[in-house]
Amino acid sequence: VQLQASGGGLVQPGESLRLSCAGSGVSLNYYAIGWFRQAPGKEREGVSCISGADSSTHYADSVKGRFTISRDNAKNTVYLLMNSLKPEDTAVYYCATSLLYYDDPDIQFLPHLYDYWGQGTLVTVSS
């Protein structure tokens, strides 16, 4: 199983980016896919997650209303559209798979629930 995260880059505050998480070696259709981020000197935190069963979603409070997660099963890819980016969104973003999906986002964002991780893509928001 391999996950390829891409789409990061350098943008100015207020701009948008769309991250992609492409799967190979496995169909992502039945997995919950989570996006996490880790800023320098900080712990990894959950950003968003989408279930495999019905595409239910979770968002961290810090990104609600700005980020949108979606999946294209035909392309075996999950996306994270990030609008109105802020400097505090600067981090390496990772996608990961989980066979579990909890209604409680505090549980769903626990990293140990995730089995396979992509390599990360850097998002830098700076003027």
Protein backbone atom coordinates (compact mmCIF):
# COMPACT_ATOMS: atom_id res chain seq x y z
CA VAL A 1 0.00 0.00 0.00
CA GLN A 2 1.36 3.38 -0.96
CA LEU A 3 -0.11 6.81 -0.50
CA GLN A 4 1.18 9.75 -2.48
CA ALA A 5 0.36 13.18 -1.09
CA SER A 6 0.85 16.11 -3.41
CA GLY A 7 -0.30 19.64 -4.11
CA GLY A 8 1.58 21.58 -1.48
CA GLY A 9 3.37 24.81 -2.17
CA LEU A 10 3.97 28.40 -1.19
CA VAL A 11 0.93 30.66 -1.18
CA GLN A 12 -0.04 34.00 0.27
CA PRO A 13 -2.58 34.40 3.06
CA GLY A 14 -6.12 34.17 1.73
CA GLU A 15 -5.20 31.98 -1.21
CA SER A 16 -6.17 28.38 -1.84
CA LEU A 17 -4.53 25.02 -2.44
CA ARG A 18 -5.87 21.57 -3.20
CA LEU A 19 -3.99 18.62 -1.81
CA SER A 20 -4.33 15.17 -3.31
CA CYS A 21 -3.80 11.77 -1.73
CA ALA A 22 -3.51 9.05 -4.34
CA GLY A 23 -3.50 5.40 -3.42
CA SER A 24 -1.68 2.57 -5.16
CA GLY A 25 -1.65 -1.11 -4.36
CA VAL A 26 -5.02 -0.89 -2.66
CA SER A 27 -8.44 0.58 -3.25
CA LEU A 28 -9.03 3.49 -0.92
CA ASN A 29 -12.77 3.11 -1.31
CA TYR A 30 -13.25 1.16 1.89
CA TYR A 31 -10.87 3.13 4.05
CA ALA A 32 -11.38 6.22 6.08
CA ILE A 33 -8.79 8.72 4.92
CA GLY A 34 -7.42 11.30 7.27
CA TRP A 35 -5.39 14.40 6.66
CA PHE A 36 -2.97 15.40 9.38
CA ARG A 37 -0.44 18.19 9.61
CA GLN A 38 2.68 18.86 11.58
CA ALA A 39 4.20 22.29 11.97
CA PRO A 40 7.79 22.77 13.12
CA GLY A 41 8.10 22.15 16.83
CA LYS A 42 4.50 21.00 17.16
CA GLU A 43 2.77 17.67 17.43
CA ARG A 44 0.97 16.11 14.52
CA GLU A 45 -2.69 17.07 14.52
CA GLY A 46 -5.74 15.84 12.70
CA VAL A 47 -7.16 18.23 10.15
CA SER A 48 -9.93 16.35 8.38
CA CYS A 49 -11.19 12.85 7.75
CA ILE A 50 -13.64 11.21 5.39
CA SER A 51 -15.22 7.82 5.94
CA GLY A 52 -15.16 5.00 3.43
CA ALA A 53 -18.73 3.88 3.98
CA ASP A 54 -20.76 7.03 3.35
CA SER A 55 -18.20 9.81 3.00
CA SER A 56 -19.05 11.29 6.36
CA THR A 57 -16.55 13.94 7.32
CA HIS A 58 -14.80 15.47 10.30
CA TYR A 59 -12.93 18.74 10.51
CA ALA A 60 -10.72 20.26 13.14
CA ASP A 61 -12.24 23.42 14.59
CA SER A 62 -9.33 25.46 13.24
CA VAL A 63 -10.22 24.62 9.62
CA LYS A 64 -14.02 24.34 9.66
CA GLY A 65 -15.59 26.46 6.98
CA ARG A 66 -12.28 26.82 5.12
CA PHE A 67 -11.23 23.26 4.24
CA THR A 68 -13.26 20.66 2.36
CA ILE A 69 -12.37 16.99 2.09
CA SER A 70 -13.71 14.84 -0.73
CA ARG A 71 -12.99 11.58 -2.46
CA ASP A 72 -13.06 10.36 -6.04
CA ASN A 73 -13.27 6.61 -5.85
CA ALA A 74 -12.84 6.21 -9.60
CA LYS A 75 -9.46 7.94 -9.33
CA ASN A 76 -8.60 6.29 -6.01
CA THR A 77 -7.85 9.74 -4.67
CA VAL A 78 -8.89 11.89 -1.74
CA TYR A 79 -8.65 15.67 -1.90
CA LEU A 80 -8.33 18.43 0.64
CA LEU A 81 -9.38 21.81 -0.70
CA MET A 82 -7.95 24.53 1.50
CA ASN A 83 -9.39 28.01 1.13
CA SER A 84 -8.63 31.24 2.96
CA LEU A 85 -5.27 29.93 4.03
CA LYS A 86 -3.60 31.48 7.04
CA PRO A 87 0.05 31.54 8.12
CA GLU A 88 -0.85 29.17 10.95
CA ASP A 89 -1.83 26.57 8.35
CA THR A 90 1.84 26.24 7.44
CA ALA A 91 2.87 22.63 8.00
CA VAL A 92 3.70 19.35 6.36
CA TYR A 93 0.43 17.67 5.47
CA TYR A 94 0.07 13.90 5.54
CA CYS A 95 -2.69 11.58 4.44
CA ALA A 96 -3.30 8.22 6.04
CA THR A 97 -5.69 5.26 5.91
CA SER A 98 -7.79 3.76 8.65
CA LEU A 99 -10.20 0.85 8.72
CA LEU A 100 -12.03 2.58 11.54
CA TYR A 101 -14.31 5.58 11.56
CA TYR A 102 -15.69 7.05 14.75
CA ASP A 103 -18.40 9.65 15.09
CA ASP A 104 -16.25 11.46 17.64
CA PRO A 105 -13.55 13.43 15.82
CA ASP A 106 -11.40 13.52 18.95
CA ILE A 107 -11.12 9.77 18.60
CA GLN A 108 -10.92 9.69 14.81
CA PHE A 109 -7.96 12.06 14.82
CA LEU A 110 -5.85 9.75 16.99
CA PRO A 111 -2.82 8.89 14.80
CA HIS A 112 -2.55 5.33 16.08
CA LEU A 113 -5.83 4.46 14.34
CA TYR A 114 -4.12 4.89 10.98
CA ASP A 115 -2.19 2.14 9.27
CA TYR A 116 -0.54 3.59 6.19
CA TRP A 117 0.84 7.08 5.78
CA GLY A 118 1.90 9.12 2.80
CA GLN A 119 5.21 10.94 2.71
CA GLY A 120 3.83 14.42 3.33
CA THR A 121 3.56 17.58 1.28
CA LEU A 122 4.69 20.98 2.53
CA VAL A 123 2.26 23.88 2.66
CA THR A 124 3.71 27.30 3.36
CA VAL A 125 1.46 30.30 3.81
CA SER A 126 3.42 33.51 3.87
CA SER A 127 3.33 37.01 2.48
